[in-house]
Amino acid sequence: RALLLDGETRSKVYSPKDRRSAFLFGDGGVAALIERNPKFGESFFSLNSDGSRGDLIKINGGGYRMPSSVETLKE
């Protein structure tokens, strides 16, 4: 058995003035109890996400690949 807890407070990161992506993201949380039962066999998960249009909501700044700078922090 496993208890999976996940949450995000994306409102701390996105500007409400960003009309392009602010409405797509919100704060959320989930708690799920997961238990394996051999009578059901293997489990498979599919997120059905291909990421092909990720550039529409991508922010090129922050993280390890492109650290924040004065330019990326400008509104």
Protein backbone atom coordinates (compact mmCIF):
# COMPACT_ATOMS: atom_id res chain seq x y z
CA ARG A 1 0.00 0.00 0.00
CA ALA A 2 1.10 3.55 -0.68
CA LEU A 3 -0.34 6.94 0.07
CA LEU A 4 0.46 9.33 -2.75
CA LEU A 5 0.29 13.03 -1.88
CA ASP A 6 0.87 15.75 -4.44
CA GLY A 7 0.21 19.45 -4.54
CA GLU A 8 1.20 22.66 -6.25
CA THR A 9 0.74 26.34 -5.62
CA ARG A 10 1.33 27.59 -9.14
CA SER A 11 -0.35 30.91 -8.36
CA LYS A 12 2.94 31.90 -6.68
CA VAL A 13 4.75 31.54 -10.01
CA TYR A 14 2.39 32.84 -12.71
CA SER A 15 1.41 36.46 -13.00
CA PRO A 16 -2.34 37.15 -13.09
CA LYS A 17 -1.50 39.74 -15.77
CA ASP A 18 -0.31 36.95 -18.09
CA ARG A 19 -3.50 36.48 -20.11
CA ARG A 20 -1.84 33.83 -22.24
CA SER A 21 -1.40 31.17 -19.57
CA ALA A 22 -2.58 32.37 -16.13
CA PHE A 23 -6.09 30.96 -16.63
CA LEU A 24 -4.71 27.48 -17.45
CA PHE A 25 -3.08 26.89 -14.10
CA GLY A 26 -4.31 26.93 -10.53
CA ASP A 27 -3.44 25.61 -7.12
CA GLY A 28 -4.38 22.04 -6.38
CA GLY A 29 -3.75 18.99 -4.30
CA VAL A 30 -4.56 15.30 -4.31
CA ALA A 31 -4.30 12.34 -1.95
CA ALA A 32 -4.62 8.83 -3.38
CA LEU A 33 -4.35 5.48 -1.64
CA ILE A 34 -2.81 2.91 -3.97
CA GLU A 35 -2.93 -0.81 -3.28
CA ARG A 36 -1.72 -3.65 -5.46
CA ASN A 37 -4.00 -6.64 -5.78
CA PRO A 38 -2.58 -9.61 -7.74
CA LYS A 39 -6.06 -10.75 -8.83
CA PHE A 40 -6.28 -7.68 -11.12
CA GLY A 41 -2.95 -8.30 -12.87
CA GLU A 42 -0.63 -5.56 -14.07
CA SER A 43 -1.50 -1.87 -13.96
CA PHE A 44 -0.81 0.58 -16.76
CA PHE A 45 -1.08 4.36 -16.84
CA SER A 46 -1.38 6.67 -19.81
CA LEU A 47 -1.36 10.44 -19.42
CA ASN A 48 -2.30 10.97 -23.08
CA SER A 49 -0.04 13.99 -23.37
CA ASP A 50 2.29 14.50 -26.31
CA GLY A 51 3.68 17.95 -25.50
CA SER A 52 3.76 18.96 -29.17
CA ARG A 53 2.30 22.42 -28.41
CA GLY A 54 4.16 23.01 -25.18
CA ASP A 55 5.76 26.14 -26.63
CA LEU A 56 2.38 27.89 -26.21
CA ILE A 57 2.68 27.82 -22.41
CA LYS A 58 6.42 27.40 -21.94
CA ILE A 59 8.33 29.94 -19.86
CA ASN A 60 11.99 30.00 -20.91
CA GLY A 61 13.47 30.90 -17.56
CA GLY A 62 14.09 29.29 -14.22
CA GLY A 63 15.27 25.80 -13.37
CA TYR A 64 18.56 24.18 -14.26
CA ARG A 65 18.49 24.45 -18.04
CA MET A 66 17.89 28.19 -18.18
CA PRO A 67 18.45 29.84 -14.78
CA SER A 68 16.49 32.97 -13.98
CA SER A 69 18.05 36.24 -15.05
CA VAL A 70 17.04 39.89 -15.15
CA GLU A 71 15.61 39.33 -18.64
CA THR A 72 13.52 36.28 -17.70
CA LEU A 73 12.14 37.97 -14.60
CA LYS A 74 10.86 41.03 -16.45
CA GLU A 75 7.09 41.12 -16.78
